[in-house]
Amino acid sequence: MSRPLALVILATLASPTFAVDQPAELSRAPIRLDAAQQQAIGLTWGTAERRPLEKVIRTVGRLDFDERRLAQVTLKVSGFIEELYANYTGQPVRKGDPLFTLYSPELLTAQREYLLARETERRLRQSSLPEARVSAASLAGASRERLRLWDLSPQQMRELEESGQARRTLTIHAPIAGVVIEKMAVAGQRVEPGMTLYKLADLSTIWVYGDVYEYELPFVQVGQEAALALTAYPEQRFTARVAYVAPMLDAKTRTAKVRFELPNSPDQLLRPEMYGTVELRVPLGERLVVPRTAVLDSGRRQVVFADGGDGRLVPREVRLGGRFDDAVEVLDGVAAGERVVTSANFLVDSESKLQAAESMMGMMGAIGMGDWKMESARPMEMGGQAGPGQEERRVGDVMVAVSVAAGPAKVGENAIRVHVRDASGAPVKGAAVSFSYTMDMPGMSIEQARAQERGDGMYEGSARFTMAGPWGLVVEIERPGKPPAREKFTLRVSG
């Protein structure tokens, strides 16, 4: 069989349309590593286990006033402030404490009119004319109602009636107990109806506002308890409750405002505009989980490597549920008690793909193609329009190919080329392309690089490989008005 025909057959075998069960990315095969090999690559194990889980939601909390416990001091009559009792911002007051005295000519006249109406009513009680008695009583009632509407308290009304003397000044009292948070009143100031003179706040209850991300909102319910920690008082924890969840999201941050409510301490340690950390814990019951580091996530498939016994590592495609701080819920693919690889799994994954490619080459030999050898064991390299040495994959609505400018990747500096085209084969221009790369070994860091556009849908950036072996390279593509595309490739670096 000629080599061009072999390429056609291999491309057909790698095509997703060749067989229903053929996956869209490279297949994996079980591999075998002895104890020395496992130690050399730093392989570690974890266990799939059922255990109680809880969702922990953390957010920054901003303390604020309880809006239900705010009060403004205004007047319904004009006049002049004479003596101030609450004379500075921050002054604590009790309900009924005097704030200031007011001299109001209108109020003084209204008191005198009320006293005169009461005296007239008293004199006409024995009158033989019913109309006179009714008229006097009506006048007295109207005068009293006007004073009441001008906020004279029942006690002040009684004092006026008992003394029979109009008071030159009227004392204005605090409507609630709290703290003066704003003071506009000044001695000698002329005031008009509706003018705000004081703002008072009752700090016995505090509100805390936090931003909760969209994907966490299903776990937040009104009435749940949350813990509040403040940097000012690190040894103390305060218990708050969810009082309100905003019905809309912030379009930029994709978060919703959640309001927590809690009582203040007797000495009022909690102050508005403080910042703290709010932690909400939601029990989820018992679930099957594996360590987070055990899962290889390509975006389309999630894989773990299970212990097959006698050094065998078996790839398992899993279906994931919730993600937690140190674990991932597994809905299908592994059973409780199975051991799974938790580190060096990228190296294991690369070896598994290579083993699968070699198995395919063995199959090709069985059908008469054994005289042809594949150098890099990358089945996808021969698909599409990527060209020699490139691996092309469909990522969302684009086709992405990765290659090395100067041939095979080697230790040292390499120019990495990323070719991007749309479904019709046209080059994608004006995208922001970057990539990160690492070798999955203990102590290896993840390096970042940004690719520059070179034209015709090709973007180029520099990568420095420090040792030979398989390296994972994750390409990220961002385009205006399109969702970002992300895909992982494997480069085999030679010395």
Protein backbone atom coordinates (compact mmCIF):
# COMPACT_ATOMS: atom_id res chain seq x y z
CA MET A 1 0.00 0.00 0.00
CA SER A 2 1.49 3.38 -0.98
CA ARG A 3 2.24 6.04 1.63
CA PRO A 4 -0.28 8.62 0.30
CA LEU A 5 -3.02 5.97 0.53
CA ALA A 6 -1.91 5.19 4.10
CA LEU A 7 -2.31 8.85 5.00
CA VAL A 8 -5.83 8.84 3.57
CA ILE A 9 -6.79 5.75 5.60
CA LEU A 10 -5.29 7.15 8.80
CA ALA A 11 -7.11 10.45 8.33
CA THR A 12 -10.35 8.52 7.74
CA LEU A 13 -9.82 6.47 10.91
CA ALA A 14 -9.23 9.67 12.90
CA SER A 15 -12.34 11.37 11.49
CA PRO A 16 -15.32 11.68 13.92
CA THR A 17 -17.62 10.54 11.10
CA PHE A 18 -15.83 7.22 10.60
CA ALA A 19 -17.38 5.56 13.66
CA VAL A 20 -20.09 6.62 16.03
CA ASP A 21 -17.95 5.85 19.10
CA GLN A 22 -14.86 7.73 17.89
CA PRO A 23 -14.22 10.66 20.33
CA ALA A 24 -13.50 14.20 19.17
CA GLU A 25 -10.08 14.23 20.88
CA LEU A 26 -7.22 11.78 21.20
CA SER A 27 -8.17 8.46 22.76
CA ARG A 28 -6.38 7.10 25.80
CA ALA A 29 -5.17 3.60 26.62
CA PRO A 30 -4.26 1.93 29.94
CA ILE A 31 -0.55 2.05 30.78
CA ARG A 32 1.70 0.26 33.25
CA LEU A 33 4.24 1.97 35.53
CA ASP A 34 6.33 0.15 38.11
CA ALA A 35 7.05 1.61 41.55
CA ALA A 36 10.36 3.17 40.45
CA GLN A 37 8.73 4.92 37.49
CA GLN A 38 5.89 6.19 39.66
CA GLN A 39 8.37 7.61 42.15
CA ALA A 40 10.46 9.19 39.41
CA ILE A 41 7.57 11.27 38.07
CA GLY A 42 6.20 12.10 41.52
CA LEU A 43 2.95 10.18 41.14
CA THR A 44 0.62 10.28 44.14
CA TRP A 45 -2.75 8.71 44.89
CA GLY A 46 -6.10 9.73 46.29
CA THR A 47 -9.31 7.84 46.96
CA ALA A 48 -12.85 8.23 45.64
CA GLU A 49 -15.00 8.37 48.75
CA ARG A 50 -18.46 9.21 49.95
CA ARG A 51 -18.49 11.90 52.59
CA PRO A 52 -20.69 14.73 53.82
CA LEU A 53 -20.12 17.91 51.85
CA GLU A 54 -20.97 21.52 52.30
CA LYS A 55 -20.85 24.40 49.89
CA VAL A 56 -18.83 27.28 51.29
CA ILE A 57 -19.63 30.71 49.87
CA ARG A 58 -17.24 33.50 50.84
CA THR A 59 -17.64 37.15 50.02
CA VAL A 60 -16.48 40.54 51.25
CA GLY A 61 -19.08 42.17 53.47
CA ARG A 62 -19.64 45.91 53.88
CA LEU A 63 -21.39 47.00 57.07
CA ASP A 64 -24.16 49.57 56.79
CA PHE A 65 -27.01 51.14 58.75
CA ASP A 66 -30.28 49.33 59.22
CA GLU A 67 -32.51 51.52 57.05
CA ARG A 68 -35.51 50.73 59.24
CA ARG A 69 -33.77 52.36 62.22
CA LEU A 70 -32.95 55.76 60.72
CA ALA A 71 -34.78 58.99 61.59
CA GLN A 72 -34.68 62.59 60.43
CA VAL A 73 -35.58 65.53 62.64
CA THR A 74 -37.54 68.16 60.71
CA LEU A 75 -40.08 70.86 61.63
CA LYS A 76 -43.53 71.68 60.31
CA VAL A 77 -43.37 75.29 61.41
CA SER A 78 -40.80 78.04 60.86
CA GLY A 79 -38.82 79.61 63.67
CA PHE A 80 -35.40 80.15 65.23
CA ILE A 81 -33.13 77.72 67.07
CA GLU A 82 -32.19 79.11 70.47
CA GLU A 83 -30.43 76.48 72.62
CA LEU A 84 -28.73 73.32 71.32
CA TYR A 85 -28.52 70.20 73.48
CA ALA A 86 -27.33 67.75 70.80
CA ASN A 87 -24.48 69.86 69.53
CA TYR A 88 -22.04 67.50 67.76
CA THR A 89 -22.07 64.66 65.26
CA GLY A 90 -21.69 61.26 66.89
CA GLN A 91 -23.43 62.25 70.10
CA PRO A 92 -25.51 59.37 71.52
CA VAL A 93 -29.08 60.23 72.44
CA ARG A 94 -31.97 58.36 74.05
CA LYS A 95 -35.52 58.48 72.83
CA GLY A 96 -37.16 61.62 74.23
CA ASP A 97 -33.88 63.44 75.00
CA PRO A 98 -34.01 67.18 74.19
CA LEU A 99 -32.23 68.17 70.99
CA PHE A 100 -32.84 71.95 70.88
CA THR A 101 -35.34 74.68 71.76
CA LEU A 102 -37.30 76.55 69.10
CA TYR A 103 -38.79 80.03 69.16
CA SER A 104 -41.62 80.26 66.63
CA PRO A 105 -43.94 83.29 66.48
CA GLU A 106 -46.52 81.14 64.65
CA LEU A 107 -46.39 78.47 67.33
CA LEU A 108 -46.64 81.06 70.11
CA THR A 109 -49.71 82.61 68.47
CA ALA A 110 -51.30 79.19 67.97
CA GLN A 111 -50.85 78.39 71.68
CA ARG A 112 -52.53 81.61 72.70
CA GLU A 113 -55.40 81.01 70.29
CA TYR A 114 -55.89 77.54 71.76
CA LEU A 115 -55.96 78.84 75.33
CA LEU A 116 -58.46 81.54 74.32
CA ALA A 117 -60.65 78.96 72.55
CA ARG A 118 -60.60 76.75 75.66
CA GLU A 119 -61.61 79.67 77.84
CA THR A 120 -64.44 80.61 75.46
CA GLU A 121 -65.65 76.99 75.42
CA ARG A 122 -65.63 76.92 79.23
CA ARG A 123 -67.70 80.09 79.46
CA LEU A 124 -70.28 79.01 76.89
CA ARG A 125 -70.92 75.57 78.36
CA GLN A 126 -73.92 76.90 80.27
CA SER A 127 -75.20 78.94 77.34
CA SER A 128 -78.82 78.45 76.34
CA LEU A 129 -77.84 78.64 72.68
CA PRO A 130 -76.75 75.21 71.37
CA GLU A 131 -75.13 76.85 68.36
CA ALA A 132 -72.81 78.87 70.58
CA ARG A 133 -71.75 75.81 72.61
CA VAL A 134 -71.05 73.77 69.44
CA SER A 135 -69.16 76.64 67.80
CA ALA A 136 -66.94 77.16 70.86
CA ALA A 137 -66.19 73.45 71.19
CA SER A 138 -65.40 73.21 67.47
CA LEU A 139 -63.01 76.18 67.66
CA ALA A 140 -61.20 74.70 70.65
CA GLY A 141 -60.88 71.31 68.93
CA ALA A 142 -59.50 72.87 65.74
CA SER A 143 -56.93 74.88 67.70
CA ARG A 144 -55.81 71.77 69.59
CA GLU A 145 -55.57 69.74 66.36
CA ARG A 146 -53.37 72.39 64.75
CA LEU A 147 -50.90 72.19 67.65
CA ARG A 148 -50.92 68.40 67.48
CA LEU A 149 -50.18 68.49 63.75
CA TRP A 150 -47.25 70.77 64.51
CA ASP A 151 -45.84 67.88 66.60
CA LEU A 152 -46.57 69.06 70.13
CA SER A 153 -46.46 65.93 72.24
CA PRO A 154 -49.38 64.90 74.50
CA GLN A 155 -47.26 65.83 77.51
CA GLN A 156 -46.57 69.32 76.12
CA MET A 157 -50.29 69.74 75.46
CA ARG A 158 -51.12 68.78 79.03
CA GLU A 159 -48.51 71.23 80.40
CA LEU A 160 -49.99 74.00 78.25
CA GLU A 161 -53.53 73.28 79.41
CA GLU A 162 -52.57 72.94 83.07
CA SER A 163 -50.45 76.11 83.19
CA GLY A 164 -52.75 78.22 81.02
CA GLN A 165 -49.68 80.08 79.78
CA ALA A 166 -48.26 79.94 76.24
CA ARG A 167 -44.59 78.97 76.22
CA ARG A 168 -42.22 81.22 74.31
CA THR A 169 -40.00 78.33 73.20
CA LEU A 170 -40.74 74.71 72.41
CA THR A 171 -38.29 71.85 73.16
CA ILE A 172 -37.79 69.38 70.31
CA HIS A 173 -37.03 65.81 71.46
CA ALA A 174 -35.24 62.83 69.84
CA PRO A 175 -37.74 60.52 68.09
CA ILE A 176 -35.52 57.42 68.52
CA ALA A 177 -32.55 56.25 70.56
CA GLY A 178 -29.31 56.20 68.62
CA VAL A 179 -26.41 58.30 67.44
CA VAL A 180 -26.36 61.68 65.66
CA ILE A 181 -24.87 60.84 62.25
CA GLU A 182 -25.60 64.23 60.65
CA LYS A 183 -26.14 67.61 62.33
CA MET A 184 -27.25 70.68 60.40
CA ALA A 185 -28.75 72.61 63.33
CA VAL A 186 -26.86 75.70 64.57
CA ALA A 187 -27.79 78.02 67.43
CA GLY A 188 -29.53 81.14 66.16
CA GLN A 189 -30.35 79.56 62.80
CA ARG A 190 -33.64 80.33 61.13
CA VAL A 191 -35.41 77.14 60.10
CA GLU A 192 -38.19 76.50 57.65
CA PRO A 193 -40.72 73.66 57.46
CA GLY A 194 -39.23 70.47 56.01
CA MET A 195 -35.60 71.44 56.65
CA THR A 196 -33.54 68.48 57.91
CA LEU A 197 -31.83 69.42 61.16
CA TYR A 198 -30.56 66.05 62.42
CA LYS A 199 -30.18 62.49 61.17
CA LEU A 200 -30.23 59.80 63.84
CA ALA A 201 -29.30 56.13 63.53
CA ASP A 202 -30.11 53.27 65.87
CA LEU A 203 -27.06 50.96 65.71
CA SER A 204 -28.57 48.11 67.72
CA THR A 205 -28.97 46.21 64.41
CA ILE A 206 -26.48 46.22 61.54
CA TRP A 207 -26.86 45.30 57.88
CA VAL A 208 -24.05 43.65 55.91
CA TYR A 209 -23.98 43.72 52.10
CA GLY A 210 -22.10 41.10 50.09
CA ASP A 211 -21.81 40.20 46.39
CA VAL A 212 -22.57 36.58 45.53
CA TYR A 213 -21.72 35.14 42.11
CA GLU A 214 -24.45 33.94 39.78
CA TYR A 215 -23.51 30.26 40.03
CA GLU A 216 -23.65 30.40 43.85
CA LEU A 217 -27.12 31.95 44.10
CA PRO A 218 -29.01 28.60 44.08
CA PHE A 219 -27.38 27.82 47.44
CA VAL A 220 -28.47 31.11 49.11
CA GLN A 221 -31.84 31.29 50.87
CA VAL A 222 -33.40 33.89 53.14
CA GLY A 223 -32.98 32.87 56.78
CA GLN A 224 -29.65 31.03 56.41
CA GLU A 225 -26.96 31.70 59.01
CA ALA A 226 -23.60 33.17 58.02
CA ALA A 227 -20.41 33.91 59.95
CA LEU A 228 -18.91 37.41 59.87
CA ALA A 229 -15.20 37.95 60.60
CA LEU A 230 -13.63 41.40 60.98
CA THR A 231 -9.95 42.23 60.71
CA ALA A 232 -10.43 44.70 63.57
CA TYR A 233 -11.55 41.89 65.91
CA PRO A 234 -9.88 38.70 64.59
CA GLU A 235 -10.65 36.72 67.76
CA GLN A 236 -14.40 37.24 67.48
CA ARG A 237 -17.03 35.77 65.15
CA PHE A 238 -20.46 37.29 64.63
CA THR A 239 -23.52 35.39 63.43
CA ALA A 240 -25.69 37.01 60.76
CA ARG A 241 -28.71 35.85 58.79
CA VAL A 242 -29.62 36.27 55.15
CA ALA A 243 -32.40 38.85 55.05
CA TYR A 244 -32.62 39.71 51.36
CA VAL A 245 -31.36 38.48 47.97
CA ALA A 246 -31.54 41.03 45.16
CA PRO A 247 -33.83 40.02 42.28
CA MET A 248 -31.38 41.30 39.66
CA LEU A 249 -27.69 40.83 38.80
CA ASP A 250 -24.95 43.34 38.16
CA ALA A 251 -24.31 43.03 34.42
CA LYS A 252 -20.56 43.70 34.75
CA THR A 253 -19.63 41.55 37.74
CA ARG A 254 -22.34 38.83 37.30
CA THR A 255 -23.11 39.06 41.02
CA ALA A 256 -26.23 39.75 43.07
CA LYS A 257 -26.41 41.80 46.24
CA VAL A 258 -27.18 39.77 49.34
CA ARG A 259 -28.05 41.51 52.61
CA PHE A 260 -27.28 39.94 55.95
CA GLU A 261 -28.67 41.18 59.25
CA LEU A 262 -27.24 40.80 62.73
CA PRO A 263 -27.64 42.39 66.19
CA ASN A 264 -24.83 44.66 67.32
CA SER A 265 -22.86 43.95 70.47
CA PRO A 266 -23.84 45.85 73.65
CA ASP A 267 -20.81 48.10 73.27
CA GLN A 268 -21.58 48.51 69.55
CA LEU A 269 -18.34 47.12 68.13
CA LEU A 270 -19.90 46.89 64.68
CA ARG A 271 -19.78 50.19 62.84
CA PRO A 272 -21.16 51.10 59.41
CA GLU A 273 -18.59 51.13 56.57
CA MET A 274 -16.46 48.46 58.24
CA TYR A 275 -15.36 45.62 55.97
CA GLY A 276 -15.24 41.94 56.83
CA THR A 277 -15.46 38.43 55.41
CA VAL A 278 -18.84 36.70 55.24
CA GLU A 279 -18.85 32.92 55.08
CA LEU A 280 -22.00 30.98 54.26
CA ARG A 281 -21.91 27.18 54.69
CA VAL A 282 -24.64 25.11 53.01
CA PRO A 283 -24.82 21.36 53.89
CA LEU A 284 -25.28 19.22 50.77
CA GLY A 285 -25.44 15.76 52.31
CA GLU A 286 -23.25 12.76 51.48
CA ARG A 287 -21.78 12.63 47.96
CA LEU A 288 -19.10 10.73 46.02
CA VAL A 289 -16.00 12.87 45.48
CA VAL A 290 -12.41 12.67 44.26
CA PRO A 291 -9.59 15.18 44.93
CA ARG A 292 -9.70 18.19 42.59
CA THR A 293 -6.21 17.42 41.27
CA ALA A 294 -7.32 13.98 40.09
CA VAL A 295 -9.44 15.35 37.22
CA LEU A 296 -8.01 16.22 33.82
CA ASP A 297 -10.49 18.62 32.24
CA SER A 298 -10.15 19.39 28.53
CA GLY A 299 -13.42 21.31 28.43
CA ARG A 300 -15.23 18.61 26.45
CA ARG A 301 -14.18 15.57 28.48
CA GLN A 302 -13.16 14.97 32.09
CA VAL A 303 -10.85 12.04 32.79
CA VAL A 304 -9.30 10.44 35.87
CA PHE A 305 -6.74 7.61 36.00
CA ALA A 306 -7.78 4.77 38.29
CA ASP A 307 -5.58 2.11 39.87
CA GLY A 308 -6.00 -1.09 37.86
CA GLY A 309 -3.67 -3.12 40.08
CA ASP A 310 -0.14 -4.34 39.38
CA GLY A 311 1.01 -0.88 38.26
CA ARG A 312 -1.77 -0.44 35.67
CA LEU A 313 -3.33 3.02 35.32
CA VAL A 314 -6.73 2.93 33.63
CA PRO A 315 -8.25 6.12 32.10
CA ARG A 316 -11.87 6.70 33.11
CA GLU A 317 -14.13 9.32 31.61
CA VAL A 318 -16.20 10.81 34.44
CA ARG A 319 -19.26 13.00 34.75
CA LEU A 320 -18.78 15.74 37.30
CA GLY A 321 -21.18 17.53 39.63
CA GLY A 322 -20.34 20.31 42.08
CA ARG A 323 -16.82 21.62 42.66
CA PHE A 324 -15.62 22.29 46.18
CA ASP A 325 -12.48 23.62 47.85
CA ASP A 326 -10.51 20.37 47.78
CA ALA A 327 -12.75 17.92 45.97
CA VAL A 328 -14.97 17.41 42.92
CA GLU A 329 -18.25 15.50 42.96
CA VAL A 330 -18.35 12.53 40.58
CA LEU A 331 -21.76 11.52 39.26
CA ASP A 332 -20.53 8.64 37.09
CA GLY A 333 -17.27 6.93 36.13
CA VAL A 334 -15.68 5.79 39.40
CA ALA A 335 -16.86 3.88 42.46
CA ALA A 336 -16.33 4.60 46.14
CA GLY A 337 -13.05 3.18 47.39
CA GLU A 338 -11.16 3.27 44.07
CA ARG A 339 -7.73 4.85 44.03
CA VAL A 340 -7.07 7.64 41.52
CA VAL A 341 -3.95 9.51 40.44
CA THR A 342 -3.70 13.00 42.01
CA SER A 343 -0.36 14.30 40.71
CA ALA A 344 1.78 13.80 37.61
CA ASN A 345 -1.47 12.90 35.86
CA PHE A 346 -0.58 15.14 32.93
CA LEU A 347 2.47 12.96 32.25
CA VAL A 348 0.31 9.87 32.68
CA ASP A 349 -2.23 11.31 30.25
CA SER A 350 0.45 12.00 27.63
CA GLU A 351 1.79 8.45 27.93
CA SER A 352 -1.75 7.06 27.72
CA LYS A 353 -2.40 8.95 24.48
CA LEU A 354 0.92 7.77 23.07
CA GLN A 355 0.06 4.17 23.98
CA ALA A 356 -3.28 4.53 22.22
CA ALA A 357 -1.56 5.89 19.11
CA GLU A 358 0.89 2.99 19.09
CA SER A 359 -2.02 0.56 19.39
CA MET A 360 -3.57 2.14 16.30
CA MET A 361 -0.29 1.71 14.45
CA GLY A 362 -0.37 -1.98 15.38
CA MET A 363 -3.85 -2.21 13.88
CA MET A 364 -2.58 -0.57 10.69
CA GLY A 365 0.20 -3.17 10.53
CA ALA A 366 -2.37 -5.92 10.76
CA ILE A 367 -4.11 -4.59 7.63
CA GLY A 368 -0.90 -4.36 5.58
CA MET A 369 0.45 -0.91 6.55
CA GLY A 370 3.20 -2.07 8.91
CA ASP A 371 5.99 -0.78 6.61
CA TRP A 372 4.94 2.82 7.36
CA LYS A 373 6.02 4.38 10.66
CA MET A 374 4.43 7.38 12.33
CA GLU A 375 7.09 9.58 13.91
CA SER A 376 5.11 11.56 16.49
CA ALA A 377 2.07 9.36 17.21
CA ARG A 378 -0.40 12.22 16.82
CA PRO A 379 -3.40 10.95 14.84
CA MET A 380 -5.00 14.37 14.42
CA GLU A 381 -1.96 15.85 12.65
CA MET A 382 -3.17 14.61 9.29
CA GLY A 383 -6.71 16.01 9.49
CA GLY A 384 -8.10 19.18 7.94
CA GLN A 385 -6.01 21.93 6.36
CA ALA A 386 -3.44 22.43 9.10
CA GLY A 387 -0.41 21.38 7.11
CA PRO A 388 2.62 19.30 8.07
CA GLY A 389 3.59 19.16 11.72
CA GLN A 390 0.40 20.81 12.92
CA GLU A 391 -2.41 19.43 15.04
CA GLU A 392 -5.80 20.91 14.21
CA ARG A 393 -8.89 20.66 16.39
CA ARG A 394 -12.35 22.16 16.39
CA VAL A 395 -12.82 24.45 19.39
CA GLY A 396 -16.33 25.88 19.47
CA ASP A 397 -16.89 27.59 16.11
CA VAL A 398 -13.22 27.77 15.07
CA MET A 399 -10.52 25.36 13.96
CA VAL A 400 -7.21 25.71 15.82
CA ALA A 401 -3.84 24.29 14.78
CA VAL A 402 -0.58 24.45 16.78
CA SER A 403 2.90 24.00 15.33
CA VAL A 404 6.54 24.88 15.98
CA ALA A 405 8.05 27.31 13.47
CA ALA A 406 11.47 25.60 13.18
CA GLY A 407 10.30 22.00 13.00
CA PRO A 408 10.03 19.66 15.99
CA ALA A 409 10.05 21.29 19.44
CA LYS A 410 13.46 21.26 21.15
CA VAL A 411 14.83 22.24 24.54
CA GLY A 412 15.30 26.01 24.62
CA GLU A 413 13.47 28.84 22.83
CA ASN A 414 10.77 27.81 20.32
CA ALA A 415 8.48 29.92 18.15
CA ILE A 416 4.96 28.54 18.65
CA ARG A 417 2.48 29.19 15.87
CA VAL A 418 -1.27 29.10 16.36
CA HIS A 419 -3.40 28.99 13.20
CA VAL A 420 -7.06 29.97 13.62
CA ARG A 421 -9.75 29.66 10.97
CA ASP A 422 -13.52 29.63 11.02
CA ALA A 423 -15.83 26.81 9.97
CA SER A 424 -15.69 27.92 6.34
CA GLY A 425 -11.90 27.78 6.31
CA ALA A 426 -11.38 31.56 6.31
CA PRO A 427 -8.57 32.94 8.54
CA VAL A 428 -9.70 34.51 11.81
CA LYS A 429 -8.18 37.97 12.17
CA GLY A 430 -8.04 40.44 15.04
CA ALA A 431 -8.23 37.85 17.82
CA ALA A 432 -6.34 38.01 21.13
CA VAL A 433 -4.36 34.76 21.32
CA SER A 434 -2.28 33.59 24.28
CA PHE A 435 -1.00 30.28 25.57
CA SER A 436 0.33 28.75 28.77
CA TYR A 437 2.58 25.72 29.01
CA THR A 438 4.00 23.43 31.66
CA MET A 439 5.28 19.93 32.28
CA ASP A 440 3.23 18.11 34.91
CA MET A 441 6.02 17.41 37.38
CA PRO A 442 6.54 18.48 41.00
CA GLY A 443 8.03 21.99 41.15
CA MET A 444 7.23 22.91 37.52
CA SER A 445 5.62 26.31 37.13
CA ILE A 446 3.10 27.38 34.48
CA GLU A 447 4.55 29.86 32.00
CA GLN A 448 2.43 32.38 30.08
CA ALA A 449 2.98 33.87 26.62
CA ARG A 450 1.03 36.15 24.30
CA ALA A 451 1.00 35.48 20.56
CA GLN A 452 1.32 38.30 18.04
CA GLU A 453 -0.76 38.32 14.86
CA ARG A 454 1.35 37.62 11.78
CA GLY A 455 -1.43 37.66 9.19
CA ASP A 456 -3.59 35.14 7.38
CA GLY A 457 -4.99 33.79 10.69
CA MET A 458 -1.54 32.92 12.08
CA TYR A 459 -0.39 34.05 15.56
CA GLU A 460 3.11 33.51 16.90
CA GLY A 461 4.60 33.58 20.40
CA SER A 462 7.71 32.33 22.13
CA ALA A 463 7.98 29.38 24.54
CA ARG A 464 11.05 28.19 26.41
CA PHE A 465 11.15 24.46 27.20
CA THR A 466 13.65 23.50 29.91
CA MET A 467 13.68 19.73 29.40
CA ALA A 468 12.72 17.04 26.95
CA GLY A 469 9.44 15.19 27.22
CA PRO A 470 5.71 15.87 26.79
CA TRP A 471 4.62 19.44 27.55
CA GLY A 472 1.03 20.57 27.89
CA LEU A 473 0.17 23.77 26.00
CA VAL A 474 -3.20 25.47 26.55
CA VAL A 475 -4.28 27.93 23.84
CA GLU A 476 -6.80 30.67 24.64
CA ILE A 477 -8.52 32.72 21.90
CA GLU A 478 -10.63 35.80 22.58
CA ARG A 479 -12.68 37.62 19.93
CA PRO A 480 -14.99 40.63 20.23
CA GLY A 481 -18.59 39.55 20.69
CA LYS A 482 -17.70 35.84 20.82
CA PRO A 483 -17.26 33.48 23.75
CA PRO A 484 -13.59 32.70 24.50
CA ALA A 485 -12.19 29.46 23.08
CA ARG A 486 -9.74 27.30 25.05
CA GLU A 487 -8.02 24.04 24.11
CA LYS A 488 -5.11 21.93 25.41
CA PHE A 489 -2.44 20.44 23.11
CA THR A 490 0.54 18.19 23.79
CA LEU A 491 4.03 18.94 22.43
CA ARG A 492 6.78 16.35 22.60
CA VAL A 493 10.04 18.22 23.17
CA SER A 494 13.30 16.58 22.16
CA GLY A 495 16.76 17.29 23.53
